[in-house]
C-alpha cells in the first residue's frame, strides 16, 4: 500500500476545541470536492504532493515528530480519500502513545468507519448547502453520510465535536433543520463541543450574522463557541 502526502509539518492547532496545541499535521493529497472557501486548494488533486510507501510515510512521521507534540492531525485534501492508508498511519501514531485527530468532511461513512478505530479526537464537519462542496442534487446524500458518521462516533464513544463553517452566504433556514438532525443523534452532554468557524478572506460574515447562528445553537448547547482560524492571525501554517 502506498499513500500520497502533500506535506508534513508541525504548527499550532488553530481550529476547533483543541486550538493552541502543538500539532504534527499530516496533510494527505486528494479531495473529490471543493468548497468555495477552501484554503488548501493545492492539495485537492489526487496527483498532488508525493507518493510514499506506508513504511516510508511512517518514517517521515517519526522524523518530524517534535518534543511535546500533543496530537497528529490527519488533514487534507480530505483524508477519507485515502482511508486505508490513514488507518495504517493513525494506528502507528497511537502505538507511539500520541493522540490522533481526523479533520474530514465525513462525506463517506464507510470510509469513516475504517479510520475511526484509530482516531482519538473526531471532528464531524457539517457542510452547509451554499458551501459548494456538492451541488443541490447531491446535498441530501452528503448530509446522510455526515449524520451517519456522527452516529458511528457516538457509538464508539470517541471524543467528538461538531464544526460548521459560516460565511456571509449561509442561511438560517437550512441551519435550523441541520441542528434538529444533529441534536436528535447526540445530546450536548455527549458532544465535546460545537464550533462555529467564520470564513476568512472570502465572504466573511459580520459579527451579527455569526451571532444569529450562535443563538440558534445556544438553544441546544450553551457551550457553543465562535472560533476563527487562529493560526492565521499569528502567521502559522
Protein backbone atom coordinates (compact mmCIF):
# COMPACT_ATOMS: atom_id res chain seq x y z
CA UNK A 1 0.00 0.00 0.00
CA UNK A 2 1.17 3.49 -0.85
CA UNK A 3 0.00 6.88 0.34
CA UNK A 4 0.15 10.28 -1.33
CA UNK A 5 1.18 13.10 1.02
CA UNK A 6 1.07 16.79 0.27
CA UNK A 7 3.08 17.95 3.29
CA UNK A 8 4.02 17.18 6.89
CA UNK A 9 4.73 20.00 9.34
CA UNK A 10 4.44 20.99 12.98
CA UNK A 11 2.38 24.02 13.90
CA UNK A 12 -0.18 25.36 16.35
CA UNK A 13 -3.66 23.90 16.04
CA UNK A 14 -5.76 26.89 15.04
CA UNK A 15 -9.23 25.38 14.84
CA UNK A 16 -11.83 23.58 16.90
CA UNK A 17 -11.81 22.53 20.54
CA UNK A 18 -8.06 21.77 20.63
CA UNK A 19 -6.82 25.12 19.34
CA UNK A 20 -3.45 26.13 20.72
CA UNK A 21 -2.00 22.62 20.93
CA UNK A 22 1.33 21.73 19.38
CA UNK A 23 0.38 19.51 16.47
CA UNK A 24 2.00 17.50 13.71
CA UNK A 25 -0.10 17.96 10.59
CA UNK A 26 -0.10 15.13 8.07
CA UNK A 27 -1.75 16.62 5.00
CA UNK A 28 -2.89 13.98 2.55
CA UNK A 29 -3.38 14.65 -1.14
CA UNK A 30 -6.77 14.45 -2.77
CA UNK A 31 -10.32 15.59 -2.22
CA UNK A 32 -13.14 14.79 -4.65
CA UNK A 33 -14.95 18.01 -3.77
CA UNK A 34 -14.19 21.73 -3.36
CA UNK A 35 -15.75 24.29 -1.02
CA UNK A 36 -15.70 27.85 -2.32
CA UNK A 37 -13.75 28.91 0.79
CA UNK A 38 -11.17 26.08 0.62
CA UNK A 39 -7.77 27.35 1.79
CA UNK A 40 -5.74 24.29 0.72
CA UNK A 41 -6.59 24.11 -2.98
CA UNK A 42 -3.11 22.84 -3.83
CA UNK A 43 -3.83 19.59 -2.00
CA UNK A 44 -7.13 18.88 -3.79
CA UNK A 45 -5.81 16.97 -6.86
CA UNK A 46 -5.16 13.27 -6.24
CA UNK A 47 -1.84 13.61 -8.06
CA UNK A 48 -0.62 16.50 -5.90
CA UNK A 49 2.18 16.01 -3.40
CA UNK A 50 4.36 12.91 -3.47
CA UNK A 51 3.68 9.18 -3.24
CA UNK A 52 5.32 7.13 -0.49
CA UNK A 53 5.18 3.58 0.75
CA UNK A 54 3.40 3.24 4.08
CA UNK A 55 6.68 2.32 5.76
CA UNK A 56 8.37 5.45 4.37
CA UNK A 57 5.40 7.60 5.46
CA UNK A 58 5.75 6.18 8.99
CA UNK A 59 9.44 7.12 8.92
CA UNK A 60 8.53 10.66 7.87
CA UNK A 61 6.03 10.98 10.70
CA UNK A 62 8.56 9.68 13.22
CA UNK A 63 11.24 12.02 11.86
CA UNK A 64 9.01 15.09 12.02
CA UNK A 65 7.54 14.50 15.48
CA UNK A 66 8.79 17.17 17.84
CA UNK A 67 9.06 17.12 21.62
CA UNK A 68 5.75 17.57 23.48
CA UNK A 69 3.60 17.18 20.37
CA UNK A 70 0.04 16.76 21.68
CA UNK A 71 -1.51 15.14 18.63
CA UNK A 72 -1.17 14.21 14.98
CA UNK A 73 -3.81 15.79 12.76
CA UNK A 74 -4.68 13.86 9.60
CA UNK A 75 -5.95 16.50 7.22
CA UNK A 76 -6.09 17.22 3.50
CA UNK A 77 -7.45 17.45 0.91
CA UNK A 78 -9.69 15.00 2.66
CA UNK A 79 -8.10 12.03 4.48
CA UNK A 80 -11.06 9.79 3.67
CA UNK A 81 -9.93 9.79 0.04
CA UNK A 82 -7.08 7.56 1.29
CA UNK A 83 -8.87 5.96 4.24
CA UNK A 84 -6.96 2.65 4.35
CA UNK A 85 -3.62 4.45 4.42
CA UNK A 86 -4.86 6.83 7.12
CA UNK A 87 -5.96 3.88 9.26
CA UNK A 88 -2.46 2.37 8.97
CA UNK A 89 -0.70 5.63 9.80
CA UNK A 90 -3.05 6.55 12.67
CA UNK A 91 -2.56 3.10 14.19
CA UNK A 92 1.20 3.69 14.01
CA UNK A 93 0.87 7.07 15.73
CA UNK A 94 -1.26 5.60 18.52
CA UNK A 95 1.41 2.96 19.10
CA UNK A 96 3.73 5.87 19.96
CA UNK A 97 1.25 6.97 22.66
CA UNK A 98 0.31 10.17 20.79
CA UNK A 99 -3.25 11.33 20.22
CA UNK A 100 -4.74 11.15 16.73
CA UNK A 101 -7.19 13.60 15.19
CA UNK A 102 -9.23 13.36 12.00
CA UNK A 103 -10.04 16.50 10.03
CA UNK A 104 -12.56 15.47 7.39
CA UNK A 105 -15.81 16.47 5.78
CA UNK A 106 -17.10 12.97 6.64
CA UNK A 107 -18.54 12.55 3.14
CA UNK A 108 -18.31 8.73 3.21
CA UNK A 109 -19.46 6.90 6.34
CA UNK A 110 -18.00 3.54 5.24
CA UNK A 111 -14.54 5.06 4.80
CA UNK A 112 -15.01 6.91 8.08
CA UNK A 113 -15.74 3.58 9.81
CA UNK A 114 -12.40 2.20 8.55
CA UNK A 115 -10.46 5.04 10.14
CA UNK A 116 -12.49 5.58 13.32
CA UNK A 117 -10.91 2.83 15.49
CA UNK A 118 -7.54 4.58 15.22
CA UNK A 119 -8.71 8.13 15.95
CA UNK A 120 -8.90 9.71 19.42
CA UNK A 121 -10.48 13.06 18.54
CA UNK A 122 -13.23 13.22 15.93
CA UNK A 123 -14.41 16.38 14.24
CA UNK A 124 -17.66 15.99 12.31
CA UNK A 125 -17.73 18.92 9.91
CA UNK A 126 -21.17 19.55 8.50
CA UNK A 127 -21.22 21.38 5.19
CA UNK A 128 -23.99 23.87 4.58
CA UNK A 129 -25.80 23.94 1.20
CA UNK A 130 -24.09 27.10 -0.08
CA UNK A 131 -20.55 25.82 0.65
CA UNK A 132 -20.25 24.46 -2.88
CA UNK A 133 -18.98 21.14 -1.55
CA UNK A 134 -21.61 19.34 -3.63
CA UNK A 135 -24.48 20.57 -5.78
CA UNK A 136 -28.06 20.71 -4.50
CA UNK A 137 -28.86 17.39 -6.19
CA UNK A 138 -26.29 15.54 -4.06
CA UNK A 139 -26.50 17.52 -0.81
CA UNK A 140 -29.02 15.20 0.87
CA UNK A 141 -26.69 12.23 0.29
CA UNK A 142 -23.77 14.16 1.76
CA UNK A 143 -25.80 15.07 4.83
CA UNK A 144 -26.90 11.45 5.22
CA UNK A 145 -23.26 10.36 5.36
CA UNK A 146 -22.27 13.12 7.78
CA UNK A 147 -25.09 12.21 10.17
CA UNK A 148 -24.15 8.53 9.96
CA UNK A 149 -20.56 9.45 10.84
CA UNK A 150 -21.92 11.26 13.89
CA UNK A 151 -23.83 8.12 14.89
CA UNK A 152 -20.71 5.99 14.46
CA UNK A 153 -18.61 8.37 16.53
CA UNK A 154 -21.23 8.33 19.28
CA UNK A 155 -21.39 4.54 19.27
CA UNK A 156 -17.60 4.31 19.51
CA UNK A 157 -17.59 6.75 22.45
CA UNK A 158 -14.90 8.87 20.83
CA UNK A 159 -14.29 12.46 21.89
CA UNK A 160 -16.43 14.10 19.23
CA UNK A 161 -17.28 17.66 18.32
CA UNK A 162 -19.20 19.36 15.55
CA UNK A 163 -17.90 22.16 13.36
CA UNK A 164 -19.82 24.25 10.85
CA UNK A 165 -18.18 26.92 8.67
CA UNK A 166 -20.34 30.03 8.39
CA UNK A 167 -19.97 32.61 5.63
CA UNK A 168 -22.00 35.67 4.71
CA UNK A 169 -23.88 33.37 2.30
CA UNK A 170 -25.02 30.87 4.94
CA UNK A 171 -28.77 30.88 5.51
CA UNK A 172 -30.56 30.34 8.80
CA UNK A 173 -33.33 28.08 7.49
CA UNK A 174 -31.22 25.09 6.42
CA UNK A 175 -29.06 25.56 9.52
CA UNK A 176 -32.09 25.23 11.82
CA UNK A 177 -33.00 21.96 10.13
CA UNK A 178 -29.42 20.74 10.44
CA UNK A 179 -29.37 21.46 14.18
CA UNK A 180 -32.53 19.42 14.74
CA UNK A 181 -30.92 16.47 12.98
CA UNK A 182 -27.63 16.76 14.85
CA UNK A 183 -29.13 17.00 18.32
CA UNK A 184 -31.57 14.21 17.59
CA UNK A 185 -28.49 11.97 17.40
CA UNK A 186 -26.28 13.45 20.13
CA UNK A 187 -27.11 15.49 23.19
CA UNK A 188 -24.97 18.38 24.35
CA UNK A 189 -23.55 16.21 27.14
CA UNK A 190 -22.32 13.71 24.54
CA UNK A 191 -20.65 16.36 22.36
CA UNK A 192 -17.24 17.72 23.29
CA UNK A 193 -18.15 21.00 21.65
CA UNK A 194 -19.98 22.81 18.87
CA UNK A 195 -17.76 25.15 16.87
CA UNK A 196 -18.91 27.89 14.53
CA UNK A 197 -16.00 28.84 12.30
CA UNK A 198 -16.28 32.02 10.22
CA UNK A 199 -14.77 32.06 6.74
CA UNK A 200 -11.55 34.03 6.37
CA UNK A 201 -10.66 36.22 3.43
CA UNK A 202 -13.76 35.39 1.39
CA UNK A 203 -17.45 36.10 2.04
CA UNK A 204 -16.61 36.89 5.65
CA UNK A 205 -19.69 37.05 7.90
CA UNK A 206 -20.44 40.03 10.11
CA UNK A 207 -20.49 39.62 13.87
CA UNK A 208 -24.26 39.98 13.91
CA UNK A 209 -24.57 37.28 11.27
CA UNK A 210 -22.43 34.95 13.39
CA UNK A 211 -24.49 35.70 16.49
CA UNK A 212 -27.64 34.67 14.61
CA UNK A 213 -26.22 31.17 14.19
CA UNK A 214 -24.69 31.15 17.68
CA UNK A 215 -28.09 31.89 19.19
CA UNK A 216 -29.70 29.02 17.30
CA UNK A 217 -27.11 26.55 18.61
CA UNK A 218 -27.28 28.02 22.13
CA UNK A 219 -30.85 26.78 22.45
CA UNK A 220 -29.44 23.25 22.21
CA UNK A 221 -25.95 23.64 23.65
CA UNK A 222 -24.79 26.60 25.72
CA UNK A 223 -21.16 25.55 25.19
CA UNK A 224 -21.22 26.65 21.54
CA UNK A 225 -18.17 28.70 20.56
CA UNK A 226 -17.29 31.00 17.65
CA UNK A 227 -13.67 30.16 16.86
CA UNK A 228 -11.89 31.67 13.84
CA UNK A 229 -8.78 30.07 12.34
CA UNK A 230 -6.43 31.35 15.00
CA UNK A 231 -3.22 30.17 13.36
CA UNK A 232 -3.73 32.68 10.55
CA UNK A 233 -3.57 35.57 13.00
CA UNK A 234 -0.08 34.58 14.17
CA UNK A 235 1.23 33.70 10.72
CA UNK A 236 1.47 29.97 11.41
CA UNK A 237 0.98 27.46 8.58
